[in-house]
Structures are given as structure tokens and as C-alpha cells.
Amino acid sequence: MPNSSSLKKHGSDQTEVGGSAPKSQRTKANSSKRLKDFEISIPIVYGTVAFWLGKKASEYQSHKWTVYVRGATNEDIGVVIKRAVFQLHPSFNNPTRVLESPPFELSESGWGEFEIAITLYFHDDVCDKPLNLYHLLKLFPDDESGPSTKKPVVMESYDEIVFPEPSDALVARIQNHPAVNIPRLPAGLNLPPPVPVEEVEKRKKGDTKDSPLIQWFTNFSEADELLKLAAARQQVQGHIAKLRRQLALIDAQPQQLKPTVDQ
């Protein structure tokens, strides 16, 4: 299950990728106090899950697939991201798909692999610059097992979008939200009154904890990563021990094959 990880810093010190928000919105967003030497981040996962249609497959409809952007722990990321735009291959009807609310996912069917461009737009108090992501839709497994109707092909990438120097009003709004990573606040910092977190039922509408695809999602938690590292280390140590035994056998062979010299 291929995956990748990176860290994207998003904020006022970056080159603008897309059009900025209207001046009135920027003025409103900048009216709050900026927190120097402070940053917040939101871990996200973007990817695809593709199912082979088996006997129902045709020449031009061989797979059904879903592309998505989700929280790394399947929490609702709508607290920071207000819109996601998916740019599909031009052969699709209406290839530009706009989702105005989470969960940010869409499903389609087809036969070919291609790169999907994903543009994320943030709420006005977060950032006025969109973020572009790119993901390869993969339909066929890398190994020689062949397509399966029971096990899909999953491709996911992990990212942490970092927002430096957020406003105190933004931190007050999201400080109790489980989708956002907020470090310990500086001593003596007085934030505006905290904004109540949305009702649980409302927030559940945007999370992916009940997604039918959740069994195929990669677990990107720190504990899971540590377990993977420990397993990889143990595997490497096993390979090293095996190679040492093989080298020892090779070193011993010349001694055994050396002809005996008559005295």
C-alpha cells in the first residue's frame, strides 16, 4: 500500500498560488492579533481507492474508484478547509468537480489511470491562498497478483499543512477541535473567549469515521508509525544475520575445497 509523507507550510510568507480573497475579507482576517513564533497544523490524507468490477467490467468501465481528502484521524477537516476542487481527466463529463463541504470525496468509474489535481480553499480567517495537490489514480496493483473484486488498490499520501503566525481569533475558534494540531500556548497569552465547538452531530456529518471505505484507509497515527519502524528494523536485522551466515559459509568453502598436499 504505497503512501508518502511531507510537510507543507502555508501562510503569508509563501508565493501566492491562486487568486487572493477580496480586500474586504483580507482586512477582516488581518484585524486580529497575529501570534508570532507560533503555528498550527492540520494533518490530512489524500488518495484513491479503486475496485475492479470483475465480471461487470467492460472495455471502458473496468473500475469504480473514489478520490478524497480526509483528516489523518478521520476527523472533520471542514473547520479549516471550506472547499475542495477535483480536476479529473478531460474525457469525463464535467471534469472540474467542486465540493463545498466535507466529506471531500467523489466517486467515478472508468478504465484508465491519470493524475488528479486537487485544490483546497481555506476559510477566510485561516488563509486566503489555495493549496494545490496532485495525486495519481492507480487502478492496477504493483505485484503480479492481478486485479481483485475483494481487495481494492489503495494509494494515499499524508501531509501536514502548517499555518504560521495564525490570528488569536482563529486559534480561539479551533483550539478545541480534534482535527487541528495546536502546540502549547505561550505563557501569558490571552486569547479571545473560546468559540464553542460545533454540535457533535453536526461535526459527524463532515468526518469519515463511518465511511464505507474506512477499512481500507491507512493508519497514519504516530503509534502505528512506530510499530512499522520497529517491524522494519527487526526485518533488517534478520536480513543482516542471514547475510552474515551466508558469508561465513562462503569463507569456509575454500578451506574445505583446498587439495591435500602429499608429504
C-alpha atoms as a PDB file:
ATOM      1  CA  MET A   1       0.000   0.000   0.000  1.00  0.00           C
ATOM      2  CA  PRO A   2       2.129   2.893  -1.211  1.00  0.00           C
ATOM      3  CA  ASN A   3       1.995   6.152   0.682  1.00  0.00           C
ATOM      4  CA  SER A   4       4.093   9.243   1.086  1.00  0.00           C
ATOM      5  CA  SER A   5       4.564  11.907   3.705  1.00  0.00           C
ATOM      6  CA  SER A   6       5.521  15.550   3.592  1.00  0.00           C
ATOM      7  CA  LEU A   7       5.064  18.855   5.346  1.00  0.00           C
ATOM      8  CA  LYS A   8       3.542  21.862   3.618  1.00  0.00           C
ATOM      9  CA  LYS A   9       3.908  25.295   5.214  1.00  0.00           C
ATOM     10  CA  HIS A  10       1.097  27.560   4.143  1.00  0.00           C
ATOM     11  CA  GLY A  11       0.867  31.229   5.029  1.00  0.00           C
ATOM     12  CA  SER A  12       1.790  34.787   4.256  1.00  0.00           C
ATOM     13  CA  ASP A  13       5.437  34.009   3.501  1.00  0.00           C
ATOM     14  CA  GLN A  14       4.591  31.743   0.557  1.00  0.00           C
ATOM     15  CA  THR A  15       4.318  32.615  -3.102  1.00  0.00           C
ATOM     16  CA  GLU A  16       0.653  33.008  -3.940  1.00  0.00           C
ATOM     17  CA  VAL A  17      -0.662  30.008  -5.850  1.00  0.00           C
ATOM     18  CA  GLY A  18      -4.077  31.299  -6.793  1.00  0.00           C
ATOM     19  CA  GLY A  19      -6.219  34.400  -6.584  1.00  0.00           C
ATOM     20  CA  SER A  20      -6.379  36.085  -3.192  1.00  0.00           C
ATOM     21  CA  ALA A  21      -9.538  36.767  -1.244  1.00  0.00           C
ATOM     22  CA  PRO A  22     -11.324  40.109  -1.688  1.00  0.00           C
ATOM     23  CA  LYS A  23      -9.646  43.014   0.071  1.00  0.00           C
ATOM     24  CA  SER A  24     -12.546  43.361   2.492  1.00  0.00           C
ATOM     25  CA  GLN A  25     -12.058  39.759   3.611  1.00  0.00           C
ATOM     26  CA  ARG A  26      -8.288  40.201   3.969  1.00  0.00           C
ATOM     27  CA  THR A  27      -8.802  43.295   6.101  1.00  0.00           C
ATOM     28  CA  LYS A  28     -11.215  41.433   8.331  1.00  0.00           C
ATOM     29  CA  ALA A  29      -8.879  38.455   8.669  1.00  0.00           C
ATOM     30  CA  ASN A  30      -5.874  40.662   9.421  1.00  0.00           C
ATOM     31  CA  SER A  31      -7.674  42.758  12.039  1.00  0.00           C
ATOM     32  CA  SER A  32      -6.954  40.127  14.704  1.00  0.00           C
ATOM     33  CA  LYS A  33      -3.667  39.898  16.525  1.00  0.00           C
ATOM     34  CA  ARG A  34      -1.093  37.611  14.903  1.00  0.00           C
ATOM     35  CA  LEU A  35       0.718  35.150  17.155  1.00  0.00           C
ATOM     36  CA  LYS A  36       4.439  35.450  16.449  1.00  0.00           C
ATOM     37  CA  ASP A  37       6.686  32.363  16.605  1.00  0.00           C
ATOM     38  CA  PHE A  38       3.591  30.177  16.723  1.00  0.00           C
ATOM     39  CA  GLU A  39       1.975  27.837  14.222  1.00  0.00           C
ATOM     40  CA  ILE A  40      -0.888  25.409  13.888  1.00  0.00           C
ATOM     41  CA  SER A  41      -1.168  22.409  11.584  1.00  0.00           C
ATOM     42  CA  ILE A  42      -3.799  20.110  10.197  1.00  0.00           C
ATOM     43  CA  PRO A  43      -2.810  16.540   9.226  1.00  0.00           C
ATOM     44  CA  ILE A  44      -4.563  15.408   6.062  1.00  0.00           C
ATOM     45  CA  VAL A  45      -4.587  12.342   3.841  1.00  0.00           C
ATOM     46  CA  TYR A  46      -5.486  12.464   0.165  1.00  0.00           C
ATOM     47  CA  GLY A  47      -5.795   9.447  -2.068  1.00  0.00           C
ATOM     48  CA  THR A  48      -7.879   6.995  -4.036  1.00  0.00           C
ATOM     49  CA  VAL A  49      -9.478   3.598  -3.515  1.00  0.00           C
ATOM     50  CA  ALA A  50     -10.181   1.656  -6.720  1.00  0.00           C
ATOM     51  CA  PHE A  51     -12.293  -1.506  -7.061  1.00  0.00           C
ATOM     52  CA  TRP A  52     -12.141  -3.800 -10.102  1.00  0.00           C
ATOM     53  CA  LEU A  53     -15.653  -4.580 -11.383  1.00  0.00           C
ATOM     54  CA  GLY A  54     -14.862  -8.199 -12.204  1.00  0.00           C
ATOM     55  CA  LYS A  55     -17.464  -9.813 -14.451  1.00  0.00           C
ATOM     56  CA  LYS A  56     -19.276  -6.486 -14.700  1.00  0.00           C
ATOM     57  CA  ALA A  57     -16.173  -4.822 -16.148  1.00  0.00           C
ATOM     58  CA  SER A  58     -16.259  -3.609 -19.726  1.00  0.00           C
ATOM     59  CA  GLU A  59     -13.636  -2.108 -22.012  1.00  0.00           C
ATOM     60  CA  TYR A  60     -14.362   1.436 -20.832  1.00  0.00           C
ATOM     61  CA  GLN A  61     -15.774   0.722 -17.379  1.00  0.00           C
ATOM     62  CA  SER A  62     -13.344  -1.615 -15.631  1.00  0.00           C
ATOM     63  CA  HIS A  63     -13.087   0.052 -12.195  1.00  0.00           C
ATOM     64  CA  LYS A  64     -15.113   2.064  -9.740  1.00  0.00           C
ATOM     65  CA  TRP A  65     -12.993   4.468  -7.700  1.00  0.00           C
ATOM     66  CA  THR A  66     -13.208   7.208  -5.075  1.00  0.00           C
ATOM     67  CA  VAL A  67     -10.858  10.154  -4.636  1.00  0.00           C
ATOM     68  CA  TYR A  68     -10.834  12.070  -1.364  1.00  0.00           C
ATOM     69  CA  VAL A  69      -9.168  14.417   1.083  1.00  0.00           C
ATOM     70  CA  ARG A  70      -9.715  13.397   4.716  1.00  0.00           C
ATOM     71  CA  GLY A  71      -8.398  14.095   8.168  1.00  0.00           C
ATOM     72  CA  ALA A  72      -5.498  11.826   9.142  1.00  0.00           C
ATOM     73  CA  THR A  73      -7.599  10.558  12.070  1.00  0.00           C
ATOM     74  CA  ASN A  74     -10.848  10.826  10.065  1.00  0.00           C
ATOM     75  CA  GLU A  75     -11.988  13.948  11.912  1.00  0.00           C
ATOM     76  CA  ASP A  76     -13.943  16.692  10.154  1.00  0.00           C
ATOM     77  CA  ILE A  77     -11.426  18.974   8.385  1.00  0.00           C
ATOM     78  CA  GLY A  78     -14.157  21.431   7.388  1.00  0.00           C
ATOM     79  CA  VAL A  79     -13.151  23.565  10.363  1.00  0.00           C
ATOM     80  CA  VAL A  80     -10.167  24.733   8.277  1.00  0.00           C
ATOM     81  CA  ILE A  81     -10.956  23.742   4.668  1.00  0.00           C
ATOM     82  CA  LYS A  82     -14.083  25.267   3.162  1.00  0.00           C
ATOM     83  CA  ARG A  83     -13.902  23.899  -0.396  1.00  0.00           C
ATOM     84  CA  ALA A  84     -12.135  21.226  -2.428  1.00  0.00           C
ATOM     85  CA  VAL A  85     -11.896  21.206  -6.229  1.00  0.00           C
ATOM     86  CA  PHE A  86     -11.002  17.965  -8.035  1.00  0.00           C
ATOM     87  CA  GLN A  87      -9.774  18.246 -11.624  1.00  0.00           C
ATOM     88  CA  LEU A  88     -10.404  14.972 -13.438  1.00  0.00           C
ATOM     89  CA  HIS A  89      -9.271  13.839 -16.888  1.00  0.00           C
ATOM     90  CA  PRO A  90     -10.863  15.906 -19.698  1.00  0.00           C
ATOM     91  CA  SER A  91     -12.642  12.805 -21.023  1.00  0.00           C
ATOM     92  CA  PHE A  92     -15.037  12.885 -18.037  1.00  0.00           C
ATOM     93  CA  ASN A  93     -18.268  14.829 -18.155  1.00  0.00           C
ATOM     94  CA  ASN A  94     -17.848  17.970 -16.054  1.00  0.00           C
ATOM     95  CA  PRO A  95     -14.191  17.214 -15.218  1.00  0.00           C
ATOM     96  CA  THR A  96     -13.971  20.059 -12.668  1.00  0.00           C
ATOM     97  CA  ARG A  97     -15.800  18.878  -9.552  1.00  0.00           C
ATOM     98  CA  VAL A  98     -16.364  21.354  -6.719  1.00  0.00           C
ATOM     99  CA  LEU A  99     -17.267  20.187  -3.197  1.00  0.00           C
ATOM    100  CA  GLU A 100     -18.396  22.982  -0.898  1.00  0.00           C
ATOM    101  CA  SER A 101     -18.481  20.968   2.322  1.00  0.00           C
ATOM    102  CA  PRO A 102     -16.943  17.836   3.855  1.00  0.00           C
ATOM    103  CA  PRO A 103     -16.568  14.966   3.422  1.00  0.00           C
ATOM    104  CA  PHE A 104     -14.447  15.972   0.435  1.00  0.00           C
ATOM    105  CA  GLU A 105     -14.790  12.876  -1.735  1.00  0.00           C
ATOM    106  CA  LEU A 106     -16.267  11.847  -5.057  1.00  0.00           C
ATOM    107  CA  SER A 107     -16.740   8.555  -6.865  1.00  0.00           C
ATOM    108  CA  GLU A 108     -16.478   7.731 -10.557  1.00  0.00           C
ATOM    109  CA  SER A 109     -15.869   4.782 -12.850  1.00  0.00           C
ATOM    110  CA  GLY A 110     -13.557   4.296 -15.799  1.00  0.00           C
ATOM    111  CA  TRP A 111     -10.684   2.294 -17.253  1.00  0.00           C
ATOM    112  CA  GLY A 112      -7.543   4.465 -17.220  1.00  0.00           C
ATOM    113  CA  GLU A 113      -5.061   5.878 -14.734  1.00  0.00           C
ATOM    114  CA  PHE A 114      -4.337   9.614 -14.663  1.00  0.00           C
ATOM    115  CA  GLU A 115      -3.199  12.416 -12.371  1.00  0.00           C
ATOM    116  CA  ILE A 116      -5.885  14.210 -10.382  1.00  0.00           C
ATOM    117  CA  ALA A 117      -5.271  17.827  -9.399  1.00  0.00           C
ATOM    118  CA  ILE A 118      -6.806  18.810  -6.058  1.00  0.00           C
ATOM    119  CA  THR A 119      -7.136  22.427  -4.933  1.00  0.00           C
ATOM    120  CA  LEU A 120      -8.005  23.195  -1.316  1.00  0.00           C
ATOM    121  CA  TYR A 121      -9.527  26.521  -0.302  1.00  0.00           C
ATOM    122  CA  PHE A 122      -9.458  27.648   3.320  1.00  0.00           C
ATOM    123  CA  HIS A 123     -11.794  29.714   5.455  1.00  0.00           C
ATOM    124  CA  ASP A 124     -11.142  33.454   5.375  1.00  0.00           C
ATOM    125  CA  ASP A 125      -9.631  33.560   8.878  1.00  0.00           C
ATOM    126  CA  VAL A 126      -7.226  30.697   8.040  1.00  0.00           C
ATOM    127  CA  CYS A 127      -5.531  31.644   4.763  1.00  0.00           C
ATOM    128  CA  ASP A 128      -6.523  33.385   1.526  1.00  0.00           C
ATOM    129  CA  LYS A 129      -4.207  31.288  -0.659  1.00  0.00           C
ATOM    130  CA  PRO A 130      -5.387  27.940  -2.061  1.00  0.00           C
ATOM    131  CA  LEU A 131      -3.179  24.866  -1.896  1.00  0.00           C
ATOM    132  CA  ASN A 132      -2.619  22.593  -4.903  1.00  0.00           C
ATOM    133  CA  LEU A 133      -2.102  18.843  -4.502  1.00  0.00           C
ATOM    134  CA  TYR A 134      -1.566  16.170  -7.141  1.00  0.00           C
ATOM    135  CA  HIS A 135      -2.464  12.509  -6.896  1.00  0.00           C
ATOM    136  CA  LEU A 136      -2.078   9.594  -9.304  1.00  0.00           C
ATOM    137  CA  LEU A 137      -5.192   7.479  -9.672  1.00  0.00           C
ATOM    138  CA  LYS A 138      -3.965   3.884  -9.582  1.00  0.00           C
ATOM    139  CA  LEU A 139      -6.234   1.076 -10.748  1.00  0.00           C
ATOM    140  CA  PHE A 140      -3.902  -1.904 -11.002  1.00  0.00           C
ATOM    141  CA  PRO A 141      -1.744  -3.490  -8.260  1.00  0.00           C
ATOM    142  CA  ASP A 142       2.048  -3.329  -8.480  1.00  0.00           C
ATOM    143  CA  ASP A 143       2.515  -7.029  -7.771  1.00  0.00           C
ATOM    144  CA  GLU A 144       1.611  -9.866 -10.104  1.00  0.00           C
ATOM    145  CA  SER A 145      -1.443 -10.949  -8.142  1.00  0.00           C
ATOM    146  CA  GLY A 146      -3.791  -9.407 -10.696  1.00  0.00           C
ATOM    147  CA  PRO A 147      -6.982  -7.421 -10.081  1.00  0.00           C
ATOM    148  CA  SER A 148      -9.381  -8.468  -7.346  1.00  0.00           C
ATOM    149  CA  THR A 149     -13.005  -7.612  -6.667  1.00  0.00           C
ATOM    150  CA  LYS A 150     -12.460  -8.088  -2.911  1.00  0.00           C
ATOM    151  CA  LYS A 151      -9.263  -6.138  -2.318  1.00  0.00           C
ATOM    152  CA  PRO A 152      -9.068  -2.648  -3.815  1.00  0.00           C
ATOM    153  CA  VAL A 153      -5.977  -0.772  -4.960  1.00  0.00           C
ATOM    154  CA  VAL A 154      -5.286   1.961  -2.403  1.00  0.00           C
ATOM    155  CA  MET A 155      -2.966   4.940  -2.929  1.00  0.00           C
ATOM    156  CA  GLU A 156      -2.718   7.516  -0.131  1.00  0.00           C
ATOM    157  CA  SER A 157      -0.416  10.403   0.753  1.00  0.00           C
ATOM    158  CA  TYR A 158      -0.031  12.015   4.177  1.00  0.00           C
ATOM    159  CA  ASP A 159       0.593  15.731   4.627  1.00  0.00           C
ATOM    160  CA  GLU A 160       0.604  18.262   7.423  1.00  0.00           C
ATOM    161  CA  ILE A 161      -0.476  21.718   6.293  1.00  0.00           C
ATOM    162  CA  VAL A 162       1.213  24.265   8.551  1.00  0.00           C
ATOM    163  CA  PHE A 163      -0.118  27.781   9.109  1.00  0.00           C
ATOM    164  CA  PRO A 164       2.490  30.089  10.710  1.00  0.00           C
ATOM    165  CA  GLU A 165       1.509  33.078  12.824  1.00  0.00           C
ATOM    166  CA  PRO A 166      -2.254  32.443  12.977  1.00  0.00           C
ATOM    167  CA  SER A 167      -4.563  35.068  14.408  1.00  0.00           C
ATOM    168  CA  ASP A 168      -5.622  34.790  18.031  1.00  0.00           C
ATOM    169  CA  ALA A 169      -9.253  34.720  16.888  1.00  0.00           C
ATOM    170  CA  LEU A 170      -8.558  31.684  14.685  1.00  0.00           C
ATOM    171  CA  VAL A 171      -6.792  29.829  17.492  1.00  0.00           C
ATOM    172  CA  ALA A 172      -9.731  30.606  19.784  1.00  0.00           C
ATOM    173  CA  ARG A 173     -12.126  29.215  17.169  1.00  0.00           C
ATOM    174  CA  ILE A 174     -10.332  25.915  16.554  1.00  0.00           C
ATOM    175  CA  GLN A 175      -8.444  25.250  19.787  1.00  0.00           C
ATOM    176  CA  ASN A 176     -10.887  22.547  20.891  1.00  0.00           C
ATOM    177  CA  HIS A 177     -11.231  20.851  17.513  1.00  0.00           C
ATOM    178  CA  PRO A 178      -9.703  17.331  17.229  1.00  0.00           C
ATOM    179  CA  ALA A 179      -8.702  17.750  13.562  1.00  0.00           C
ATOM    180  CA  VAL A 180      -6.173  20.518  14.278  1.00  0.00           C
ATOM    181  CA  ASN A 181      -2.785  20.258  15.990  1.00  0.00           C
ATOM    182  CA  ILE A 182      -2.178  23.204  18.314  1.00  0.00           C
ATOM    183  CA  PRO A 183       1.008  23.302  20.421  1.00  0.00           C
ATOM    184  CA  ARG A 184       1.111  24.556  23.977  1.00  0.00           C
ATOM    185  CA  LEU A 185       0.127  28.196  24.029  1.00  0.00           C
ATOM    186  CA  PRO A 186       2.794  30.694  25.172  1.00  0.00           C
ATOM    187  CA  ALA A 187       2.650  31.625  28.845  1.00  0.00           C
ATOM    188  CA  GLY A 188       0.709  34.797  29.492  1.00  0.00           C
ATOM    189  CA  LEU A 189      -1.135  34.694  26.178  1.00  0.00           C
ATOM    190  CA  ASN A 190      -4.700  35.908  26.481  1.00  0.00           C
ATOM    191  CA  LEU A 191      -6.927  34.579  23.731  1.00  0.00           C
ATOM    192  CA  PRO A 192     -10.399  35.840  22.907  1.00  0.00           C
ATOM    193  CA  PRO A 193     -13.202  33.836  24.549  1.00  0.00           C
ATOM    194  CA  PRO A 194     -13.174  30.296  23.090  1.00  0.00           C
ATOM    195  CA  VAL A 195     -15.746  29.578  20.445  1.00  0.00           C
ATOM    196  CA  PRO A 196     -17.928  26.564  21.313  1.00  0.00           C
ATOM    197  CA  VAL A 197     -17.114  23.525  19.201  1.00  0.00           C
ATOM    198  CA  GLU A 198     -19.928  22.624  16.809  1.00  0.00           C
ATOM    199  CA  GLU A 199     -22.547  20.181  17.983  1.00  0.00           C
ATOM    200  CA  VAL A 200     -21.291  16.607  17.817  1.00  0.00           C
ATOM    201  CA  GLU A 201     -23.953  15.534  15.327  1.00  0.00           C
ATOM    202  CA  LYS A 202     -23.114  18.441  13.012  1.00  0.00           C
ATOM    203  CA  ARG A 203     -19.401  17.636  13.125  1.00  0.00           C
ATOM    204  CA  LYS A 204     -20.056  13.949  12.418  1.00  0.00           C
ATOM    205  CA  LYS A 205     -21.547  14.892   9.046  1.00  0.00           C
ATOM    206  CA  GLY A 206     -18.125  16.000   7.888  1.00  0.00           C
ATOM    207  CA  ASP A 207     -15.907  13.285   9.343  1.00  0.00           C
ATOM    208  CA  THR A 208     -15.041   9.993   7.653  1.00  0.00           C
ATOM    209  CA  LYS A 209     -15.306   7.669  10.642  1.00  0.00           C
ATOM    210  CA  ASP A 210     -18.387   5.991   9.202  1.00  0.00           C
ATOM    211  CA  SER A 211     -17.110   5.866   5.628  1.00  0.00           C
ATOM    212  CA  PRO A 212     -17.683   2.514   3.868  1.00  0.00           C
ATOM    213  CA  LEU A 213     -14.035   2.768   2.768  1.00  0.00           C
ATOM    214  CA  ILE A 214     -12.582   3.188   6.258  1.00  0.00           C
ATOM    215  CA  GLN A 215     -11.380  -0.427   6.433  1.00  0.00           C
ATOM    216  CA  TRP A 216      -9.043   0.359   3.525  1.00  0.00           C
ATOM    217  CA  PHE A 217      -7.700   3.644   4.900  1.00  0.00           C
ATOM    218  CA  THR A 218      -4.069   3.728   6.021  1.00  0.00           C
ATOM    219  CA  ASN A 219      -3.479   4.402   9.717  1.00  0.00           C
ATOM    220  CA  PHE A 220      -1.064   7.314   9.918  1.00  0.00           C
ATOM    221  CA  SER A 221      -1.037   7.675  13.704  1.00  0.00           C
ATOM    222  CA  GLU A 222       2.316   8.093  15.463  1.00  0.00           C
ATOM    223  CA  ALA A 223       1.865   4.836  17.373  1.00  0.00           C
ATOM    224  CA  ASP A 224       1.222   2.956  14.149  1.00  0.00           C
ATOM    225  CA  GLU A 225       4.302   4.514  12.524  1.00  0.00           C
ATOM    226  CA  LEU A 226       6.451   3.483  15.487  1.00  0.00           C
ATOM    227  CA  LEU A 227       5.205  -0.094  15.177  1.00  0.00           C
ATOM    228  CA  LYS A 228       6.028  -0.077  11.459  1.00  0.00           C
ATOM    229  CA  LEU A 229       9.533   1.238  12.164  1.00  0.00           C
ATOM    230  CA  ALA A 230      10.101  -1.426  14.834  1.00  0.00           C
ATOM    231  CA  ALA A 231       8.906  -4.163  12.459  1.00  0.00           C
ATOM    232  CA  ALA A 232      11.122  -2.826   9.665  1.00  0.00           C
ATOM    233  CA  ARG A 233      14.128  -2.689  11.991  1.00  0.00           C
ATOM    234  CA  GLN A 234      13.535  -6.282  13.074  1.00  0.00           C
ATOM    235  CA  GLN A 235      13.245  -7.350   9.428  1.00  0.00           C
ATOM    236  CA  VAL A 236      16.506  -5.587   8.519  1.00  0.00           C
ATOM    237  CA  GLN A 237      18.296  -7.192  11.466  1.00  0.00           C
ATOM    238  CA  GLY A 238      17.044 -10.590  10.291  1.00  0.00           C
ATOM    239  CA  HIS A 239      18.401  -9.966   6.785  1.00  0.00           C
ATOM    240  CA  ILE A 240      21.766  -8.888   8.211  1.00  0.00           C
ATOM    241  CA  ALA A 241      22.016 -12.048  10.322  1.00  0.00           C
ATOM    242  CA  LYS A 242      21.158 -14.193   7.283  1.00  0.00           C
ATOM    243  CA  LEU A 243      23.814 -12.484   5.150  1.00  0.00           C
ATOM    244  CA  ARG A 244      26.415 -12.967   7.872  1.00  0.00           C
ATOM    245  CA  ARG A 245      25.674 -16.709   7.974  1.00  0.00           C
ATOM    246  CA  GLN A 246      25.948 -16.916   4.186  1.00  0.00           C
ATOM    247  CA  LEU A 247      29.272 -15.040   4.215  1.00  0.00           C
ATOM    248  CA  ALA A 248      30.594 -17.352   6.913  1.00  0.00           C
ATOM    249  CA  LEU A 249      29.734 -20.389   4.781  1.00  0.00           C
ATOM    250  CA  ILE A 250      31.417 -18.812   1.733  1.00  0.00           C
ATOM    251  CA  ASP A 251      34.571 -18.070   3.750  1.00  0.00           C
ATOM    252  CA  ALA A 252      34.684 -21.676   4.970  1.00  0.00           C
ATOM    253  CA  GLN A 253      34.362 -23.249   1.497  1.00  0.00           C
ATOM    254  CA  PRO A 254      37.984 -22.568   0.262  1.00  0.00           C
ATOM    255  CA  GLN A 255      39.339 -24.344   3.307  1.00  0.00           C
ATOM    256  CA  GLN A 256      37.184 -27.394   2.584  1.00  0.00           C
ATOM    257  CA  LEU A 257      37.983 -27.484  -1.164  1.00  0.00           C
ATOM    258  CA  LYS A 258      41.767 -26.937  -0.840  1.00  0.00           C
ATOM    259  CA  PRO A 259      43.511 -30.117  -2.159  1.00  0.00           C
ATOM    260  CA  THR A 260      45.563 -32.149   0.252  1.00  0.00           C
ATOM    261  CA  VAL A 261      49.331 -31.987  -0.418  1.00  0.00           C
ATOM    262  CA  ASP A 262      51.191 -35.305  -0.096  1.00  0.00           C
ATOM    263  CA  GLN A 263      54.017 -35.134   2.344  1.00  0.00           C
END
